[in-house]
Amino acid sequence: FQAGDEKRLTNRFFRKMIFNSIRAD
């Protein structure tokens, strides 16, 4: 990701579709 993308952590869709899978792996 790029700097500034951390703001997307508050987006539930982003967490479900992208972030949660990375954390799980």
PDB file of all heavy atoms in Angstrom:
ATOM      1  N   PHE A   1       0.848  -1.189   0.000  1.00  0.00           N
ATOM      2  CA  PHE A   1       0.000   0.000   0.000  1.00  0.00           C
ATOM      3  C   PHE A   1       0.886   1.242   0.000  1.00  0.00           C
ATOM      4  O   PHE A   1       2.102   1.151   0.192  1.00  0.00           O
ATOM      5  CB  PHE A   1      -0.922   0.014   1.226  1.00  0.00           C
ATOM      6  CG  PHE A   1      -1.865  -1.151   1.293  1.00  0.00           C
ATOM      7  CD1 PHE A   1      -1.558  -2.280   2.045  1.00  0.00           C
ATOM      8  CD2 PHE A   1      -3.058  -1.128   0.590  1.00  0.00           C
ATOM      9  CE1 PHE A   1      -2.419  -3.363   2.090  1.00  0.00           C
ATOM     10  CE2 PHE A   1      -3.937  -2.204   0.640  1.00  0.00           C
ATOM     11  CZ  PHE A   1      -3.605  -3.320   1.382  1.00  0.00           C
ATOM     12  N   GLN A   2       0.234   2.411  -0.166  1.00  0.00           N
ATOM     13  CA  GLN A   2       0.954   3.667  -0.150  1.00  0.00           C
ATOM     14  C   GLN A   2       0.642   4.419   1.141  1.00  0.00           C
ATOM     15  O   GLN A   2      -0.385   4.200   1.783  1.00  0.00           O
ATOM     16  CB  GLN A   2       0.551   4.523  -1.354  1.00  0.00           C
ATOM     17  CG  GLN A   2       0.928   3.904  -2.692  1.00  0.00           C
ATOM     18  CD  GLN A   2       0.510   4.768  -3.861  1.00  0.00           C
ATOM     19  OE1 GLN A   2      -0.316   5.670  -3.709  1.00  0.00           O
ATOM     20  NE2 GLN A   2       1.084   4.498  -5.019  1.00  0.00           N
ATOM     21  N   ALA A   3       1.556   5.298   1.518  1.00  0.00           N
ATOM     22  CA  ALA A   3       1.318   6.135   2.694  1.00  0.00           C
ATOM     23  C   ALA A   3       0.023   6.901   2.508  1.00  0.00           C
ATOM     24  O   ALA A   3      -0.239   7.462   1.444  1.00  0.00           O
ATOM     25  CB  ALA A   3       2.485   7.093   2.902  1.00  0.00           C
ATOM     26  N   GLY A   4      -0.790   6.926   3.540  1.00  0.00           N
ATOM     27  CA  GLY A   4      -2.102   7.547   3.468  1.00  0.00           C
ATOM     28  C   GLY A   4      -3.221   6.543   3.345  1.00  0.00           C
ATOM     29  O   GLY A   4      -4.369   6.823   3.701  1.00  0.00           O
ATOM     30  N   ASP A   5      -2.889   5.328   2.862  1.00  0.00           N
ATOM     31  CA  ASP A   5      -3.911   4.293   2.717  1.00  0.00           C
ATOM     32  C   ASP A   5      -4.410   3.762   4.056  1.00  0.00           C
ATOM     33  O   ASP A   5      -5.439   3.105   4.115  1.00  0.00           O
ATOM     34  CB  ASP A   5      -3.367   3.112   1.897  1.00  0.00           C
ATOM     35  CG  ASP A   5      -3.312   3.403   0.409  1.00  0.00           C
ATOM     36  OD1 ASP A   5      -3.909   4.410  -0.004  1.00  0.00           O
ATOM     37  OD2 ASP A   5      -2.682   2.626  -0.324  1.00  0.00           O
ATOM     38  N   GLU A   6      -3.671   4.056   5.137  1.00  0.00           N
ATOM     39  CA  GLU A   6      -4.094   3.562   6.455  1.00  0.00           C
ATOM     40  C   GLU A   6      -5.468   4.100   6.852  1.00  0.00           C
ATOM     41  O   GLU A   6      -6.153   3.506   7.699  1.00  0.00           O
ATOM     42  CB  GLU A   6      -3.053   3.898   7.528  1.00  0.00           C
ATOM     43  CG  GLU A   6      -2.784   5.375   7.732  1.00  0.00           C
ATOM     44  CD  GLU A   6      -1.686   5.917   6.828  1.00  0.00           C
ATOM     45  OE1 GLU A   6      -1.305   5.198   5.881  1.00  0.00           O
ATOM     46  OE2 GLU A   6      -1.218   7.037   7.074  1.00  0.00           O
ATOM     47  N   LYS A   7      -5.891   5.194   6.237  1.00  0.00           N
ATOM     48  CA  LYS A   7      -7.219   5.737   6.520  1.00  0.00           C
ATOM     49  C   LYS A   7      -8.318   4.750   6.129  1.00  0.00           C
ATOM     50  O   LYS A   7      -9.432   4.811   6.657  1.00  0.00           O
ATOM     51  CB  LYS A   7      -7.414   7.058   5.769  1.00  0.00           C
ATOM     52  CG  LYS A   7      -6.522   8.201   6.262  1.00  0.00           C
ATOM     53  CD  LYS A   7      -6.765   9.472   5.469  1.00  0.00           C
ATOM     54  CE  LYS A   7      -6.288   9.317   4.039  1.00  0.00           C
ATOM     55  NZ  LYS A   7      -6.365  10.596   3.266  1.00  0.00           N
ATOM     56  N   ARG A   8      -7.996   3.835   5.231  1.00  0.00           N
ATOM     57  CA  ARG A   8      -8.992   2.871   4.756  1.00  0.00           C
ATOM     58  C   ARG A   8      -9.315   1.800   5.795  1.00  0.00           C
ATOM     59  O   ARG A   8     -10.260   1.030   5.631  1.00  0.00           O
ATOM     60  CB  ARG A   8      -8.498   2.223   3.465  1.00  0.00           C
ATOM     61  CG  ARG A   8      -8.242   3.224   2.359  1.00  0.00           C
ATOM     62  CD  ARG A   8      -7.464   2.631   1.209  1.00  0.00           C
ATOM     63  NE  ARG A   8      -8.248   1.689   0.436  1.00  0.00           N
ATOM     64  CZ  ARG A   8      -7.759   0.955  -0.574  1.00  0.00           C
ATOM     65  NH1 ARG A   8      -6.476   1.056  -0.894  1.00  0.00           N
ATOM     66  NH2 ARG A   8      -8.519   0.131  -1.232  1.00  0.00           N
ATOM     67  N   LEU A   9      -8.541   1.750   6.877  1.00  0.00           N
ATOM     68  CA  LEU A   9      -8.792   0.766   7.918  1.00  0.00           C
ATOM     69  C   LEU A   9     -10.157   0.958   8.576  1.00  0.00           C
ATOM     70  O   LEU A   9     -10.698   0.039   9.194  1.00  0.00           O
ATOM     71  CB  LEU A   9      -7.693   0.821   8.993  1.00  0.00           C
ATOM     72  CG  LEU A   9      -6.340   0.246   8.589  1.00  0.00           C
ATOM     73  CD1 LEU A   9      -5.305   0.516   9.673  1.00  0.00           C
ATOM     74  CD2 LEU A   9      -6.448  -1.249   8.329  1.00  0.00           C
ATOM     75  N   THR A  10     -10.709   2.147   8.478  1.00  0.00           N
ATOM     76  CA  THR A  10     -12.024   2.415   9.068  1.00  0.00           C
ATOM     77  C   THR A  10     -13.159   1.994   8.146  1.00  0.00           C
ATOM     78  O   THR A  10     -14.328   2.032   8.535  1.00  0.00           O
ATOM     79  CB  THR A  10     -12.175   3.917   9.397  1.00  0.00           C
ATOM     80  OG1 THR A  10     -12.014   4.672   8.193  1.00  0.00           O
ATOM     81  CG2 THR A  10     -11.115   4.352  10.413  1.00  0.00           C
ATOM     82  N   ASN A  11     -12.810   1.565   6.940  1.00  0.00           N
ATOM     83  CA  ASN A  11     -13.811   1.156   5.958  1.00  0.00           C
ATOM     84  C   ASN A  11     -14.071  -0.344   6.082  1.00  0.00           C
ATOM     85  O   ASN A  11     -13.190  -1.161   5.864  1.00  0.00           O
ATOM     86  CB  ASN A  11     -13.317   1.498   4.545  1.00  0.00           C
ATOM     87  CG  ASN A  11     -14.340   1.195   3.472  1.00  0.00           C
ATOM     88  OD1 ASN A  11     -14.753   0.058   3.314  1.00  0.00           O
ATOM     89  ND2 ASN A  11     -14.719   2.208   2.718  1.00  0.00           N
ATOM     90  N   ARG A  12     -15.301  -0.713   6.447  1.00  0.00           N
ATOM     91  CA  ARG A  12     -15.612  -2.125   6.685  1.00  0.00           C
ATOM     92  C   ARG A  12     -15.467  -2.978   5.427  1.00  0.00           C
ATOM     93  O   ARG A  12     -15.049  -4.121   5.495  1.00  0.00           O
ATOM     94  CB  ARG A  12     -17.033  -2.259   7.249  1.00  0.00           C
ATOM     95  CG  ARG A  12     -17.091  -2.107   8.757  1.00  0.00           C
ATOM     96  CD  ARG A  12     -18.452  -2.473   9.293  1.00  0.00           C
ATOM     97  NE  ARG A  12     -19.331  -1.322   9.322  1.00  0.00           N
ATOM     98  CZ  ARG A  12     -20.585  -1.355   9.726  1.00  0.00           C
ATOM     99  NH1 ARG A  12     -21.115  -2.490  10.103  1.00  0.00           N
ATOM    100  NH2 ARG A  12     -21.326  -0.261   9.747  1.00  0.00           N
ATOM    101  N   PHE A  13     -15.810  -2.419   4.270  1.00  0.00           N
ATOM    102  CA  PHE A  13     -15.675  -3.154   3.015  1.00  0.00           C
ATOM    103  C   PHE A  13     -14.202  -3.452   2.727  1.00  0.00           C
ATOM    104  O   PHE A  13     -13.835  -4.569   2.342  1.00  0.00           O
ATOM    105  CB  PHE A  13     -16.283  -2.349   1.867  1.00  0.00           C
ATOM    106  CG  PHE A  13     -16.206  -3.038   0.534  1.00  0.00           C
ATOM    107  CD1 PHE A  13     -17.117  -4.017   0.183  1.00  0.00           C
ATOM    108  CD2 PHE A  13     -15.206  -2.708  -0.375  1.00  0.00           C
ATOM    109  CE1 PHE A  13     -17.038  -4.661  -1.044  1.00  0.00           C
ATOM    110  CE2 PHE A  13     -15.121  -3.346  -1.610  1.00  0.00           C
ATOM    111  CZ  PHE A  13     -16.047  -4.322  -1.941  1.00  0.00           C
ATOM    112  N   PHE A  14     -13.352  -2.452   2.935  1.00  0.00           N
ATOM    113  CA  PHE A  14     -11.911  -2.638   2.730  1.00  0.00           C
ATOM    114  C   PHE A  14     -11.371  -3.729   3.652  1.00  0.00           C
ATOM    115  O   PHE A  14     -10.585  -4.580   3.237  1.00  0.00           O
ATOM    116  CB  PHE A  14     -11.173  -1.322   2.982  1.00  0.00           C
ATOM    117  CG  PHE A  14      -9.671  -1.437   2.977  1.00  0.00           C
ATOM    118  CD1 PHE A  14      -8.981  -1.542   1.788  1.00  0.00           C
ATOM    119  CD2 PHE A  14      -8.961  -1.464   4.164  1.00  0.00           C
ATOM    120  CE1 PHE A  14      -7.595  -1.656   1.775  1.00  0.00           C
ATOM    121  CE2 PHE A  14      -7.579  -1.582   4.162  1.00  0.00           C
ATOM    122  CZ  PHE A  14      -6.899  -1.680   2.964  1.00  0.00           C
ATOM    123  N   ARG A  15     -11.804  -3.710   4.898  1.00  0.00           N
ATOM    124  CA  ARG A  15     -11.313  -4.704   5.854  1.00  0.00           C
ATOM    125  C   ARG A  15     -11.754  -6.105   5.445  1.00  0.00           C
ATOM    126  O   ARG A  15     -10.956  -7.045   5.483  1.00  0.00           O
ATOM    127  CB  ARG A  15     -11.802  -4.377   7.266  1.00  0.00           C
ATOM    128  CG  ARG A  15     -11.221  -3.088   7.846  1.00  0.00           C
ATOM    129  CD  ARG A  15     -11.613  -2.916   9.307  1.00  0.00           C
ATOM    130  NE  ARG A  15     -10.882  -3.853  10.143  1.00  0.00           N
ATOM    131  CZ  ARG A  15      -9.788  -3.545  10.842  1.00  0.00           C
ATOM    132  NH1 ARG A  15      -9.294  -2.324  10.795  1.00  0.00           N
ATOM    133  NH2 ARG A  15      -9.185  -4.443  11.577  1.00  0.00           N
ATOM    134  N   LYS A  16     -13.002  -6.266   5.024  1.00  0.00           N
ATOM    135  CA  LYS A  16     -13.491  -7.589   4.661  1.00  0.00           C
ATOM    136  C   LYS A  16     -12.834  -8.101   3.392  1.00  0.00           C
ATOM    137  O   LYS A  16     -12.415  -9.258   3.319  1.00  0.00           O
ATOM    138  CB  LYS A  16     -15.007  -7.572   4.486  1.00  0.00           C
ATOM    139  CG  LYS A  16     -15.562  -8.940   4.057  1.00  0.00           C
ATOM    140  CD  LYS A  16     -17.066  -8.929   3.847  1.00  0.00           C
ATOM    141  CE  LYS A  16     -17.538 -10.305   3.392  1.00  0.00           C
ATOM    142  NZ  LYS A  16     -19.001 -10.348   3.150  1.00  0.00           N
ATOM    143  N   MET A  17     -12.748  -7.252   2.386  1.00  0.00           N
ATOM    144  CA  MET A  17     -12.298  -7.692   1.073  1.00  0.00           C
ATOM    145  C   MET A  17     -10.778  -7.781   0.950  1.00  0.00           C
ATOM    146  O   MET A  17     -10.270  -8.560   0.135  1.00  0.00           O
ATOM    147  CB  MET A  17     -12.832  -6.743  -0.004  1.00  0.00           C
ATOM    148  CG  MET A  17     -14.349  -6.672  -0.075  1.00  0.00           C
ATOM    149  SD  MET A  17     -15.135  -8.274  -0.380  1.00  0.00           S
ATOM    150  CE  MET A  17     -14.536  -8.633  -2.022  1.00  0.00           C
ATOM    151  N   ILE A  18     -10.050  -7.002   1.746  1.00  0.00           N
ATOM    152  CA  ILE A  18      -8.598  -6.931   1.558  1.00  0.00           C
ATOM    153  C   ILE A  18      -7.819  -7.140   2.861  1.00  0.00           C
ATOM    154  O   ILE A  18      -7.038  -8.090   2.984  1.00  0.00           O
ATOM    155  CB  ILE A  18      -8.195  -5.577   0.925  1.00  0.00           C
ATOM    156  CG1 ILE A  18      -8.870  -5.429  -0.445  1.00  0.00           C
ATOM    157  CG2 ILE A  18      -6.682  -5.443   0.806  1.00  0.00           C
ATOM    158  CD1 ILE A  18      -8.643  -4.095  -1.113  1.00  0.00           C
ATOM    159  N   PHE A  19      -8.040  -6.277   3.835  1.00  0.00           N
ATOM    160  CA  PHE A  19      -7.168  -6.255   5.008  1.00  0.00           C
ATOM    161  C   PHE A  19      -7.261  -7.524   5.853  1.00  0.00           C
ATOM    162  O   PHE A  19      -6.238  -8.074   6.276  1.00  0.00           O
ATOM    163  CB  PHE A  19      -7.486  -5.030   5.872  1.00  0.00           C
ATOM    164  CG  PHE A  19      -6.571  -4.871   7.062  1.00  0.00           C
ATOM    165  CD1 PHE A  19      -5.264  -4.449   6.885  1.00  0.00           C
ATOM    166  CD2 PHE A  19      -7.019  -5.159   8.339  1.00  0.00           C
ATOM    167  CE1 PHE A  19      -4.411  -4.307   7.970  1.00  0.00           C
ATOM    168  CE2 PHE A  19      -6.172  -5.019   9.430  1.00  0.00           C
ATOM    169  CZ  PHE A  19      -4.868  -4.592   9.243  1.00  0.00           C
ATOM    170  N   ASN A  20      -8.464  -8.007   6.112  1.00  0.00           N
ATOM    171  CA  ASN A  20      -8.614  -9.164   6.996  1.00  0.00           C
ATOM    172  C   ASN A  20      -7.927 -10.409   6.446  1.00  0.00           C
ATOM    173  O   ASN A  20      -7.366 -11.210   7.199  1.00  0.00           O
ATOM    174  CB  ASN A  20     -10.099  -9.459   7.249  1.00  0.00           C
ATOM    175  CG  ASN A  20     -10.761  -8.412   8.120  1.00  0.00           C
ATOM    176  OD1 ASN A  20     -10.083  -7.594   8.745  1.00  0.00           O
ATOM    177  ND2 ASN A  20     -12.080  -8.413   8.161  1.00  0.00           N
ATOM    178  N   SER A  21      -7.948 -10.571   5.135  1.00  0.00           N
ATOM    179  CA  SER A  21      -7.300 -11.742   4.540  1.00  0.00           C
ATOM    180  C   SER A  21      -5.783 -11.660   4.674  1.00  0.00           C
ATOM    181  O   SER A  21      -5.108 -12.679   4.885  1.00  0.00           O
ATOM    182  CB  SER A  21      -7.705 -11.893   3.067  1.00  0.00           C
ATOM    183  OG  SER A  21      -7.273 -10.780   2.308  1.00  0.00           O
ATOM    184  N   ILE A  22      -5.239 -10.447   4.569  1.00  0.00           N
ATOM    185  CA  ILE A  22      -3.794 -10.280   4.740  1.00  0.00           C
ATOM    186  C   ILE A  22      -3.397 -10.600   6.182  1.00  0.00           C
ATOM    187  O   ILE A  22      -2.434 -11.331   6.430  1.00  0.00           O
ATOM    188  CB  ILE A  22      -3.353  -8.849   4.369  1.00  0.00           C
ATOM    189  CG1 ILE A  22      -3.722  -8.530   2.919  1.00  0.00           C
ATOM    190  CG2 ILE A  22      -1.844  -8.687   4.573  1.00  0.00           C
ATOM    191  CD1 ILE A  22      -3.440  -7.092   2.516  1.00  0.00           C
ATOM    192  N   ARG A  23      -4.156 -10.078   7.133  1.00  0.00           N
ATOM    193  CA  ARG A  23      -3.876 -10.352   8.548  1.00  0.00           C
ATOM    194  C   ARG A  23      -3.951 -11.843   8.829  1.00  0.00           C
ATOM    195  O   ARG A  23      -3.099 -12.405   9.535  1.00  0.00           O
ATOM    196  CB  ARG A  23      -4.857  -9.607   9.451  1.00  0.00           C
ATOM    197  CG  ARG A  23      -4.624  -8.125   9.552  1.00  0.00           C
ATOM    198  CD  ARG A  23      -4.394  -7.650  10.991  1.00  0.00           C
ATOM    199  NE  ARG A  23      -3.140  -8.104  11.564  1.00  0.00           N
ATOM    200  CZ  ARG A  23      -2.606  -7.619  12.681  1.00  0.00           C
ATOM    201  NH1 ARG A  23      -3.216  -6.652  13.336  1.00  0.00           N
ATOM    202  NH2 ARG A  23      -1.475  -8.067  13.168  1.00  0.00           N
ATOM    203  N   ALA A  24      -4.968 -12.511   8.288  1.00  0.00           N
ATOM    204  CA  ALA A  24      -5.128 -13.943   8.513  1.00  0.00           C
ATOM    205  C   ALA A  24      -3.931 -14.719   7.980  1.00  0.00           C
ATOM    206  O   ALA A  24      -3.426 -15.653   8.625  1.00  0.00           O
ATOM    207  CB  ALA A  24      -6.417 -14.434   7.857  1.00  0.00           C
ATOM    208  N   ASP A  25      -3.446 -14.346   6.807  1.00  0.00           N
ATOM    209  CA  ASP A  25      -2.306 -15.044   6.215  1.00  0.00           C
ATOM    210  C   ASP A  25      -1.027 -14.814   7.023  1.00  0.00           C
ATOM    211  O   ASP A  25      -0.209 -15.730   7.182  1.00  0.00           O
ATOM    212  CB  ASP A  25      -2.098 -14.588   4.770  1.00  0.00           C
ATOM    213  CG  ASP A  25      -3.186 -15.114   3.846  1.00  0.00           C
ATOM    214  OD1 ASP A  25      -3.947 -16.011   4.266  1.00  0.00           O
ATOM    215  OD2 ASP A  25      -3.270 -14.623   2.699  1.00  0.00           O
TER     216      ASP A  25
END
